[in-house]
Amino acid sequence: MDYSRISLRPFRPSDAEDFLAWARDDKVTHYLRWNTITSREEALIYIQHVAIPHPWRQSICLDDRSIGYISIKPESGNDRHRAHVGYAIGVSIGVKELSRQL
């Protein structure tokens, strides 16, 4: 198995088109805490104001193109040793390509 094509990295504004390709799919965003993104402008705003400032939100990439995301949100108080992990992978691009790699 060749995993060299798959990586995690911080989001960049230049990811807007790739991000939109999967973030506009209701099948992908149905269980997420944010709404389906419907335009390139919305994608760019989300990337700049939510994804980039979040220290633990990373783009799942295939050949350096965003096909999804993963985020970790540490808990606090008595649960500070725990974290909430969320992720999404685009159906049309991400899942098909990742399954070929695995």
PDB file of N, CA and C in Angstrom:
ATOM      1  N   MET A   1       0.833  -1.189   0.000  1.00  0.00           N
ATOM      2  CA  MET A   1       0.000   0.000   0.000  1.00  0.00           C
ATOM      3  C   MET A   1       0.875   1.249   0.000  1.00  0.00           C
ATOM      4  N   ASP A   2       0.540   2.183  -0.829  1.00  0.00           N
ATOM      5  CA  ASP A   2       1.295   3.429  -0.944  1.00  0.00           C
ATOM      6  C   ASP A   2       0.514   4.563  -0.294  1.00  0.00           C
ATOM      7  N   TYR A   3       0.958   4.952   0.893  1.00  0.00           N
ATOM      8  CA  TYR A   3       0.287   6.033   1.618  1.00  0.00           C
ATOM      9  C   TYR A   3       0.928   7.392   1.357  1.00  0.00           C
ATOM     10  N   SER A   4       1.927   7.451   0.511  1.00  0.00           N
ATOM     11  CA  SER A   4       2.656   8.704   0.296  1.00  0.00           C
ATOM     12  C   SER A   4       1.787   9.789  -0.338  1.00  0.00           C
ATOM     13  N   ARG A   5       0.688   9.431  -0.962  1.00  0.00           N
ATOM     14  CA  ARG A   5      -0.198  10.416  -1.594  1.00  0.00           C
ATOM     15  C   ARG A   5      -1.175  11.042  -0.597  1.00  0.00           C
ATOM     16  N   ILE A   6      -1.295  10.447   0.585  1.00  0.00           N
ATOM     17  CA  ILE A   6      -2.261  10.899   1.591  1.00  0.00           C
ATOM     18  C   ILE A   6      -1.528  11.674   2.677  1.00  0.00           C
ATOM     19  N   SER A   7      -2.069  12.840   3.046  1.00  0.00           N
ATOM     20  CA  SER A   7      -1.427  13.645   4.090  1.00  0.00           C
ATOM     21  C   SER A   7      -2.460  14.471   4.844  1.00  0.00           C
ATOM     22  N   LEU A   8      -2.039  14.984   5.987  1.00  0.00           N
ATOM     23  CA  LEU A   8      -2.800  15.967   6.757  1.00  0.00           C
ATOM     24  C   LEU A   8      -1.988  17.244   6.762  1.00  0.00           C
ATOM     25  N   ARG A   9      -2.663  18.370   6.624  1.00  0.00           N
ATOM     26  CA  ARG A   9      -1.972  19.658   6.679  1.00  0.00           C
ATOM     27  C   ARG A   9      -2.987  20.731   7.033  1.00  0.00           C
ATOM     28  N   PRO A  10      -2.506  21.902   7.472  1.00  0.00           N
ATOM     29  CA  PRO A  10      -3.431  23.014   7.729  1.00  0.00           C
ATOM     30  C   PRO A  10      -4.122  23.443   6.435  1.00  0.00           C
ATOM     31  N   PHE A  11      -5.343  23.930   6.583  1.00  0.00           N
ATOM     32  CA  PHE A  11      -6.056  24.473   5.424  1.00  0.00           C
ATOM     33  C   PHE A  11      -5.372  25.740   4.931  1.00  0.00           C
ATOM     34  N   ARG A  12      -5.555  26.029   3.641  1.00  0.00           N
ATOM     35  CA  ARG A  12      -5.048  27.251   3.021  1.00  0.00           C
ATOM     36  C   ARG A  12      -6.191  27.871   2.218  1.00  0.00           C
ATOM     37  N   PRO A  13      -6.165  29.185   2.015  1.00  0.00           N
ATOM     38  CA  PRO A  13      -7.201  29.810   1.188  1.00  0.00           C
ATOM     39  C   PRO A  13      -7.295  29.188  -0.209  1.00  0.00           C
ATOM     40  N   SER A  14      -6.195  28.710  -0.727  1.00  0.00           N
ATOM     41  CA  SER A  14      -6.203  28.101  -2.065  1.00  0.00           C
ATOM     42  C   SER A  14      -6.957  26.766  -2.111  1.00  0.00           C
ATOM     43  N   ASP A  15      -7.394  26.263  -0.955  1.00  0.00           N
ATOM     44  CA  ASP A  15      -8.175  25.025  -0.898  1.00  0.00           C
ATOM     45  C   ASP A  15      -9.656  25.242  -1.187  1.00  0.00           C
ATOM     46  N   ALA A  16     -10.083  26.472  -1.404  1.00  0.00           N
ATOM     47  CA  ALA A  16     -11.516  26.783  -1.492  1.00  0.00           C
ATOM     48  C   ALA A  16     -12.259  25.918  -2.510  1.00  0.00           C
ATOM     49  N   GLU A  17     -11.728  25.743  -3.698  1.00  0.00           N
ATOM     50  CA  GLU A  17     -12.423  24.947  -4.722  1.00  0.00           C
ATOM     51  C   GLU A  17     -12.511  23.474  -4.333  1.00  0.00           C
ATOM     52  N   ASP A  18     -11.406  22.912  -3.861  1.00  0.00           N
ATOM     53  CA  ASP A  18     -11.411  21.507  -3.448  1.00  0.00           C
ATOM     54  C   ASP A  18     -12.331  21.306  -2.245  1.00  0.00           C
ATOM     55  N   PHE A  19     -12.272  22.235  -1.289  1.00  0.00           N
ATOM     56  CA  PHE A  19     -13.135  22.195  -0.108  1.00  0.00           C
ATOM     57  C   PHE A  19     -14.602  22.217  -0.533  1.00  0.00           C
ATOM     58  N   LEU A  20     -14.945  23.109  -1.438  1.00  0.00           N
ATOM     59  CA  LEU A  20     -16.322  23.235  -1.910  1.00  0.00           C
ATOM     60  C   LEU A  20     -16.799  21.944  -2.574  1.00  0.00           C
ATOM     61  N   ALA A  21     -15.906  21.244  -3.256  1.00  0.00           N
ATOM     62  CA  ALA A  21     -16.286  20.011  -3.954  1.00  0.00           C
ATOM     63  C   ALA A  21     -16.893  18.983  -3.008  1.00  0.00           C
ATOM     64  N   TRP A  22     -16.404  18.906  -1.764  1.00  0.00           N
ATOM     65  CA  TRP A  22     -16.983  17.948  -0.820  1.00  0.00           C
ATOM     66  C   TRP A  22     -17.875  18.607   0.223  1.00  0.00           C
ATOM     67  N   ALA A  23     -17.642  19.865   0.579  1.00  0.00           N
ATOM     68  CA  ALA A  23     -18.427  20.533   1.625  1.00  0.00           C
ATOM     69  C   ALA A  23     -19.811  20.951   1.142  1.00  0.00           C
ATOM     70  N   ARG A  24     -20.070  20.895  -0.152  1.00  0.00           N
ATOM     71  CA  ARG A  24     -21.405  21.223  -0.665  1.00  0.00           C
ATOM     72  C   ARG A  24     -22.302  19.985  -0.747  1.00  0.00           C
ATOM     73  N   ASP A  25     -21.769  18.831  -0.436  1.00  0.00           N
ATOM     74  CA  ASP A  25     -22.512  17.574  -0.524  1.00  0.00           C
ATOM     75  C   ASP A  25     -23.249  17.306   0.792  1.00  0.00           C
ATOM     76  N   ASP A  26     -24.579  17.309   0.739  1.00  0.00           N
ATOM     77  CA  ASP A  26     -25.383  17.069   1.944  1.00  0.00           C
ATOM     78  C   ASP A  26     -25.101  15.706   2.575  1.00  0.00           C
ATOM     79  N   LYS A  27     -24.672  14.738   1.782  1.00  0.00           N
ATOM     80  CA  LYS A  27     -24.331  13.423   2.342  1.00  0.00           C
ATOM     81  C   LYS A  27     -23.095  13.518   3.235  1.00  0.00           C
ATOM     82  N   VAL A  28     -22.204  14.424   2.909  1.00  0.00           N
ATOM     83  CA  VAL A  28     -20.984  14.609   3.695  1.00  0.00           C
ATOM     84  C   VAL A  28     -21.262  15.449   4.937  1.00  0.00           C
ATOM     85  N   THR A  29     -22.037  16.502   4.806  1.00  0.00           N
ATOM     86  CA  THR A  29     -22.226  17.456   5.910  1.00  0.00           C
ATOM     87  C   THR A  29     -23.417  17.143   6.808  1.00  0.00           C
ATOM     88  N   HIS A  30     -24.187  16.129   6.486  1.00  0.00           N
ATOM     89  CA  HIS A  30     -25.414  15.818   7.223  1.00  0.00           C
ATOM     90  C   HIS A  30     -25.202  15.723   8.734  1.00  0.00           C
ATOM     91  N   TYR A  31     -24.153  15.073   9.185  1.00  0.00           N
ATOM     92  CA  TYR A  31     -23.926  14.870  10.615  1.00  0.00           C
ATOM     93  C   TYR A  31     -22.892  15.821  11.210  1.00  0.00           C
ATOM     94  N   LEU A  32     -22.475  16.805  10.438  1.00  0.00           N
ATOM     95  CA  LEU A  32     -21.494  17.769  10.938  1.00  0.00           C
ATOM     96  C   LEU A  32     -22.183  18.879  11.710  1.00  0.00           C
ATOM     97  N   ARG A  33     -21.414  19.633  12.460  1.00  0.00           N
ATOM     98  CA  ARG A  33     -21.957  20.734  13.253  1.00  0.00           C
ATOM     99  C   ARG A  33     -22.038  22.027  12.467  1.00  0.00           C
ATOM    100  N   TRP A  34     -21.747  21.983  11.186  1.00  0.00           N
ATOM    101  CA  TRP A  34     -21.854  23.166  10.343  1.00  0.00           C
ATOM    102  C   TRP A  34     -22.672  22.831   9.107  1.00  0.00           C
ATOM    103  N   ASN A  35     -23.224  23.861   8.526  1.00  0.00           N
ATOM    104  CA  ASN A  35     -24.120  23.692   7.385  1.00  0.00           C
ATOM    105  C   ASN A  35     -23.351  23.429   6.097  1.00  0.00           C
ATOM    106  N   THR A  36     -24.051  22.864   5.145  1.00  0.00           N
ATOM    107  CA  THR A  36     -23.492  22.637   3.820  1.00  0.00           C
ATOM    108  C   THR A  36     -23.035  23.971   3.227  1.00  0.00           C
ATOM    109  N   ILE A  37     -21.849  23.976   2.657  1.00  0.00           N
ATOM    110  CA  ILE A  37     -21.294  25.168   2.020  1.00  0.00           C
ATOM    111  C   ILE A  37     -21.802  25.187   0.575  1.00  0.00           C
ATOM    112  N   THR A  38     -22.303  26.334   0.129  1.00  0.00           N
ATOM    113  CA  THR A  38     -22.937  26.362  -1.191  1.00  0.00           C
ATOM    114  C   THR A  38     -22.228  27.218  -2.239  1.00  0.00           C
ATOM    115  N   SER A  39     -21.192  27.948  -1.844  1.00  0.00           N
ATOM    116  CA  SER A  39     -20.500  28.790  -2.824  1.00  0.00           C
ATOM    117  C   SER A  39     -19.012  28.861  -2.502  1.00  0.00           C
ATOM    118  N   ARG A  40     -18.239  29.270  -3.489  1.00  0.00           N
ATOM    119  CA  ARG A  40     -16.802  29.442  -3.279  1.00  0.00           C
ATOM    120  C   ARG A  40     -16.543  30.500  -2.220  1.00  0.00           C
ATOM    121  N   GLU A  41     -17.349  31.560  -2.202  1.00  0.00           N
ATOM    122  CA  GLU A  41     -17.190  32.630  -1.214  1.00  0.00           C
ATOM    123  C   GLU A  41     -17.401  32.091   0.199  1.00  0.00           C
ATOM    124  N   GLU A  42     -18.453  31.278   0.384  1.00  0.00           N
ATOM    125  CA  GLU A  42     -18.697  30.664   1.694  1.00  0.00           C
ATOM    126  C   GLU A  42     -17.540  29.750   2.083  1.00  0.00           C
ATOM    127  N   ALA A  43     -17.034  29.004   1.118  1.00  0.00           N
ATOM    128  CA  ALA A  43     -15.911  28.108   1.385  1.00  0.00           C
ATOM    129  C   ALA A  43     -14.698  28.897   1.852  1.00  0.00           C
ATOM    130  N   LEU A  44     -14.404  29.995   1.185  1.00  0.00           N
ATOM    131  CA  LEU A  44     -13.259  30.822   1.549  1.00  0.00           C
ATOM    132  C   LEU A  44     -13.440  31.441   2.932  1.00  0.00           C
ATOM    133  N   ILE A  45     -14.636  31.919   3.228  1.00  0.00           N
ATOM    134  CA  ILE A  45     -14.913  32.488   4.555  1.00  0.00           C
ATOM    135  C   ILE A  45     -14.732  31.424   5.629  1.00  0.00           C
ATOM    136  N   TYR A  46     -15.268  30.234   5.394  1.00  0.00           N
ATOM    137  CA  TYR A  46     -15.128  29.152   6.371  1.00  0.00           C
ATOM    138  C   TYR A  46     -13.651  28.809   6.586  1.00  0.00           C
ATOM    139  N   ILE A  47     -12.922  28.671   5.512  1.00  0.00           N
ATOM    140  CA  ILE A  47     -11.499  28.333   5.621  1.00  0.00           C
ATOM    141  C   ILE A  47     -10.749  29.416   6.393  1.00  0.00           C
ATOM    142  N   GLN A  48     -10.975  30.682   6.050  1.00  0.00           N
ATOM    143  CA  GLN A  48     -10.232  31.778   6.673  1.00  0.00           C
ATOM    144  C   GLN A  48     -10.628  32.037   8.123  1.00  0.00           C
ATOM    145  N   HIS A  49     -11.920  31.887   8.441  1.00  0.00           N
ATOM    146  CA  HIS A  49     -12.395  32.282   9.768  1.00  0.00           C
ATOM    147  C   HIS A  49     -12.630  31.126  10.731  1.00  0.00           C
ATOM    148  N   VAL A  50     -12.707  29.909  10.221  1.00  0.00           N
ATOM    149  CA  VAL A  50     -12.940  28.754  11.093  1.00  0.00           C
ATOM    150  C   VAL A  50     -11.781  27.763  11.016  1.00  0.00           C
ATOM    151  N   ALA A  51     -11.486  27.290   9.820  1.00  0.00           N
ATOM    152  CA  ALA A  51     -10.499  26.219   9.677  1.00  0.00           C
ATOM    153  C   ALA A  51      -9.073  26.665   9.989  1.00  0.00           C
ATOM    154  N   ILE A  52      -8.639  27.761   9.412  1.00  0.00           N
ATOM    155  CA  ILE A  52      -7.253  28.202   9.621  1.00  0.00           C
ATOM    156  C   ILE A  52      -6.980  28.581  11.079  1.00  0.00           C
ATOM    157  N   PRO A  53      -7.859  29.343  11.745  1.00  0.00           N
ATOM    158  CA  PRO A  53      -7.577  29.696  13.140  1.00  0.00           C
ATOM    159  C   PRO A  53      -7.633  28.515  14.118  1.00  0.00           C
ATOM    160  N   HIS A  54      -8.313  27.437  13.759  1.00  0.00           N
ATOM    161  CA  HIS A  54      -8.465  26.286  14.648  1.00  0.00           C
ATOM    162  C   HIS A  54      -7.162  25.484  14.639  1.00  0.00           C
ATOM    163  N   PRO A  55      -6.473  25.378  15.773  1.00  0.00           N
ATOM    164  CA  PRO A  55      -5.158  24.727  15.777  1.00  0.00           C
ATOM    165  C   PRO A  55      -5.191  23.228  15.483  1.00  0.00           C
ATOM    166  N   TRP A  56      -6.338  22.602  15.661  1.00  0.00           N
ATOM    167  CA  TRP A  56      -6.408  21.158  15.475  1.00  0.00           C
ATOM    168  C   TRP A  56      -7.341  20.753  14.341  1.00  0.00           C
ATOM    169  N   ARG A  57      -7.626  21.632  13.407  1.00  0.00           N
ATOM    170  CA  ARG A  57      -8.456  21.299  12.242  1.00  0.00           C
ATOM    171  C   ARG A  57      -7.515  21.199  11.042  1.00  0.00           C
ATOM    172  N   GLN A  58      -7.420  20.019  10.488  1.00  0.00           N
ATOM    173  CA  GLN A  58      -6.489  19.764   9.399  1.00  0.00           C
ATOM    174  C   GLN A  58      -7.233  19.259   8.163  1.00  0.00           C
ATOM    175  N   SER A  59      -6.688  19.565   7.013  1.00  0.00           N
ATOM    176  CA  SER A  59      -7.233  19.079   5.755  1.00  0.00           C
ATOM    177  C   SER A  59      -6.689  17.674   5.494  1.00  0.00           C
ATOM    178  N   ILE A  60      -7.579  16.749   5.166  1.00  0.00           N
ATOM    179  CA  ILE A  60      -7.157  15.431   4.694  1.00  0.00           C
ATOM    180  C   ILE A  60      -6.913  15.602   3.197  1.00  0.00           C
ATOM    181  N   CYS A  61      -5.706  15.299   2.769  1.00  0.00           N
ATOM    182  CA  CYS A  61      -5.333  15.567   1.374  1.00  0.00           C
ATOM    183  C   CYS A  61      -4.930  14.301   0.642  1.00  0.00           C
ATOM    184  N   LEU A  62      -5.238  14.299  -0.618  1.00  0.00           N
ATOM    185  CA  LEU A  62      -4.765  13.282  -1.544  1.00  0.00           C
ATOM    186  C   LEU A  62      -4.041  14.045  -2.639  1.00  0.00           C
ATOM    187  N   ASP A  63      -2.763  13.776  -2.784  1.00  0.00           N
ATOM    188  CA  ASP A  63      -1.927  14.530  -3.726  1.00  0.00           C
ATOM    189  C   ASP A  63      -2.014  16.027  -3.448  1.00  0.00           C
ATOM    190  N   ASP A  64      -2.028  16.393  -2.170  1.00  0.00           N
ATOM    191  CA  ASP A  64      -2.064  17.775  -1.678  1.00  0.00           C
ATOM    192  C   ASP A  64      -3.355  18.519  -2.037  1.00  0.00           C
ATOM    193  N   ARG A  65      -4.418  17.794  -2.382  1.00  0.00           N
ATOM    194  CA  ARG A  65      -5.731  18.406  -2.640  1.00  0.00           C
ATOM    195  C   ARG A  65      -6.680  17.989  -1.523  1.00  0.00           C
ATOM    196  N   SER A  66      -7.402  18.949  -0.991  1.00  0.00           N
ATOM    197  CA  SER A  66      -8.310  18.684   0.123  1.00  0.00           C
ATOM    198  C   SER A  66      -9.461  17.779  -0.303  1.00  0.00           C
ATOM    199  N   ILE A  67      -9.593  16.647   0.404  1.00  0.00           N
ATOM    200  CA  ILE A  67     -10.705  15.725   0.153  1.00  0.00           C
ATOM    201  C   ILE A  67     -11.550  15.536   1.410  1.00  0.00           C
ATOM    202  N   GLY A  68     -11.188  16.240   2.485  1.00  0.00           N
ATOM    203  CA  GLY A  68     -11.920  16.121   3.733  1.00  0.00           C
ATOM    204  C   GLY A  68     -11.196  16.857   4.838  1.00  0.00           C
ATOM    205  N   TYR A  69     -11.639  16.619   6.067  1.00  0.00           N
ATOM    206  CA  TYR A  69     -10.986  17.259   7.202  1.00  0.00           C
ATOM    207  C   TYR A  69     -11.045  16.344   8.415  1.00  0.00           C
ATOM    208  N   ILE A  70     -10.191  16.631   9.371  1.00  0.00           N
ATOM    209  CA  ILE A  70     -10.232  16.006  10.682  1.00  0.00           C
ATOM    210  C   ILE A  70      -9.978  17.103  11.700  1.00  0.00           C
ATOM    211  N   SER A  71     -10.697  17.045  12.811  1.00  0.00           N
ATOM    212  CA  SER A  71     -10.463  18.032  13.864  1.00  0.00           C
ATOM    213  C   SER A  71     -10.485  17.341  15.216  1.00  0.00           C
ATOM    214  N   ILE A  72      -9.753  17.919  16.129  1.00  0.00           N
ATOM    215  CA  ILE A  72      -9.707  17.435  17.502  1.00  0.00           C
ATOM    216  C   ILE A  72     -10.020  18.613  18.400  1.00  0.00           C
ATOM    217  N   LYS A  73     -10.984  18.432  19.286  1.00  0.00           N
ATOM    218  CA  LYS A  73     -11.356  19.485  20.223  1.00  0.00           C
ATOM    219  C   LYS A  73     -11.173  18.936  21.631  1.00  0.00           C
ATOM    220  N   PRO A  74     -10.120  19.371  22.330  1.00  0.00           N
ATOM    221  CA  PRO A  74      -9.896  18.892  23.694  1.00  0.00           C
ATOM    222  C   PRO A  74     -11.045  19.305  24.614  1.00  0.00           C
ATOM    223  N   GLU A  75     -11.394  18.409  25.519  1.00  0.00           N
ATOM    224  CA  GLU A  75     -12.399  18.712  26.534  1.00  0.00           C
ATOM    225  C   GLU A  75     -11.721  19.476  27.670  1.00  0.00           C
ATOM    226  N   SER A  76     -12.494  19.874  28.661  1.00  0.00           N
ATOM    227  CA  SER A  76     -11.928  20.630  29.786  1.00  0.00           C
ATOM    228  C   SER A  76     -12.445  20.058  31.102  1.00  0.00           C
ATOM    229  N   GLY A  77     -11.982  20.637  32.185  1.00  0.00           N
ATOM    230  CA  GLY A  77     -12.416  20.205  33.514  1.00  0.00           C
ATOM    231  C   GLY A  77     -12.029  18.765  33.793  1.00  0.00           C
ATOM    232  N   ASN A  78     -12.958  18.004  34.369  1.00  0.00           N
ATOM    233  CA  ASN A  78     -12.687  16.601  34.690  1.00  0.00           C
ATOM    234  C   ASN A  78     -12.454  15.742  33.453  1.00  0.00           C
ATOM    235  N   ASP A  79     -12.880  16.217  32.302  1.00  0.00           N
ATOM    236  CA  ASP A  79     -12.697  15.474  31.052  1.00  0.00           C
ATOM    237  C   ASP A  79     -11.512  15.977  30.236  1.00  0.00           C
ATOM    238  N   ARG A  80     -10.604  16.713  30.859  1.00  0.00           N
ATOM    239  CA  ARG A  80      -9.499  17.325  30.113  1.00  0.00           C
ATOM    240  C   ARG A  80      -8.560  16.304  29.474  1.00  0.00           C
ATOM    241  N   HIS A  81      -8.643  15.052  29.894  1.00  0.00           N
ATOM    242  CA  HIS A  81      -7.821  14.001  29.287  1.00  0.00           C
ATOM    243  C   HIS A  81      -8.507  13.380  28.068  1.00  0.00           C
ATOM    244  N   ARG A  82      -9.662  13.924  27.684  1.00  0.00           N
ATOM    245  CA  ARG A  82     -10.414  13.419  26.537  1.00  0.00           C
ATOM    246  C   ARG A  82     -10.490  14.486  25.446  1.00  0.00           C
ATOM    247  N   ALA A  83     -10.870  14.045  24.264  1.00  0.00           N
ATOM    248  CA  ALA A  83     -11.050  14.985  23.153  1.00  0.00           C
ATOM    249  C   ALA A  83     -12.147  14.464  22.233  1.00  0.00           C
ATOM    250  N   HIS A  84     -12.805  15.394  21.572  1.00  0.00           N
ATOM    251  CA  HIS A  84     -13.812  15.061  20.565  1.00  0.00           C
ATOM    252  C   HIS A  84     -13.108  15.069  19.208  1.00  0.00           C
ATOM    253  N   VAL A  85     -13.226  13.981  18.468  1.00  0.00           N
ATOM    254  CA  VAL A  85     -12.621  13.883  17.144  1.00  0.00           C
ATOM    255  C   VAL A  85     -13.744  13.887  16.109  1.00  0.00           C
ATOM    256  N   GLY A  86     -13.633  14.778  15.145  1.00  0.00           N
ATOM    257  CA  GLY A  86     -14.611  14.835  14.066  1.00  0.00           C
ATOM    258  C   GLY A  86     -13.893  14.742  12.734  1.00  0.00           C
ATOM    259  N   TYR A  87     -14.572  14.202  11.753  1.00  0.00           N
ATOM    260  CA  TYR A  87     -13.961  14.118  10.430  1.00  0.00           C
ATOM    261  C   TYR A  87     -15.043  14.022   9.366  1.00  0.00           C
ATOM    262  N   ALA A  88     -14.671  14.329   8.160  1.00  0.00           N
ATOM    263  CA  ALA A  88     -15.534  14.159   6.992  1.00  0.00           C
ATOM    264  C   ALA A  88     -14.633  13.917   5.790  1.00  0.00           C
ATOM    265  N   ILE A  89     -15.092  13.060   4.904  1.00  0.00           N
ATOM    266  CA  ILE A  89     -14.364  12.782   3.672  1.00  0.00           C
ATOM    267  C   ILE A  89     -15.356  12.854   2.522  1.00  0.00           C
ATOM    268  N   GLY A  90     -14.980  13.562   1.477  1.00  0.00           N
ATOM    269  CA  GLY A  90     -15.848  13.697   0.315  1.00  0.00           C
ATOM    270  C   GLY A  90     -16.194  12.350  -0.297  1.00  0.00           C
ATOM    271  N   VAL A  91     -17.451  12.160  -0.625  1.00  0.00           N
ATOM    272  CA  VAL A  91     -17.914  10.893  -1.179  1.00  0.00           C
ATOM    273  C   VAL A  91     -17.413  10.694  -2.602  1.00  0.00           C
ATOM    274  N   SER A  92     -17.620  11.675  -3.458  1.00  0.00           N
ATOM    275  CA  SER A  92     -17.324  11.490  -4.879  1.00  0.00           C
ATOM    276  C   SER A  92     -15.839  11.404  -5.189  1.00  0.00           C
ATOM    277  N   ILE A  93     -15.024  12.104  -4.434  1.00  0.00           N
ATOM    278  CA  ILE A  93     -13.584  12.094  -4.707  1.00  0.00           C
ATOM    279  C   ILE A  93     -12.843  11.302  -3.642  1.00  0.00           C
ATOM    280  N   GLY A  94     -12.989  11.725  -2.406  1.00  0.00           N
ATOM    281  CA  GLY A  94     -12.193  11.187  -1.316  1.00  0.00           C
ATOM    282  C   GLY A  94     -12.341   9.710  -1.060  1.00  0.00           C
ATOM    283  N   VAL A  95     -13.555   9.244  -0.856  1.00  0.00           N
ATOM    284  CA  VAL A  95     -13.766   7.845  -0.508  1.00  0.00           C
ATOM    285  C   VAL A  95     -13.305   6.925  -1.631  1.00  0.00           C
ATOM    286  N   LYS A  96     -13.627   7.263  -2.864  1.00  0.00           N
ATOM    287  CA  LYS A  96     -13.227   6.420  -3.996  1.00  0.00           C
ATOM    288  C   LYS A  96     -11.709   6.340  -4.117  1.00  0.00           C
ATOM    289  N   GLU A  97     -11.050   7.481  -4.038  1.00  0.00           N
ATOM    290  CA  GLU A  97      -9.593   7.498  -4.195  1.00  0.00           C
ATOM    291  C   GLU A  97      -8.897   6.849  -3.007  1.00  0.00           C
ATOM    292  N   LEU A  98      -9.382   7.110  -1.794  1.00  0.00           N
ATOM    293  CA  LEU A  98      -8.761   6.490  -0.627  1.00  0.00           C
ATOM    294  C   LEU A  98      -8.923   4.980  -0.664  1.00  0.00           C
ATOM    295  N   SER A  99     -10.075   4.496  -1.088  1.00  0.00           N
ATOM    296  CA  SER A  99     -10.282   3.046  -1.142  1.00  0.00           C
ATOM    297  C   SER A  99      -9.324   2.397  -2.141  1.00  0.00           C
ATOM    298  N   ARG A 100      -8.970   3.102  -3.185  1.00  0.00           N
ATOM    299  CA  ARG A 100      -7.985   2.567  -4.139  1.00  0.00           C
ATOM    300  C   ARG A 100      -6.601   2.478  -3.507  1.00  0.00           C
ATOM    301  N   GLN A 101      -6.302   3.391  -2.578  1.00  0.00           N
ATOM    302  CA  GLN A 101      -4.989   3.402  -1.943  1.00  0.00           C
ATOM    303  C   GLN A 101      -4.871   2.337  -0.859  1.00  0.00           C
ATOM    304  N   LEU A 102      -5.992   1.977  -0.267  1.00  0.00           N
ATOM    305  CA  LEU A 102      -5.963   1.024   0.841  1.00  0.00           C
ATOM    306  C   LEU A 102      -6.159  -0.343   0.305  1.00  0.00           C
TER     307      LEU A 102
END
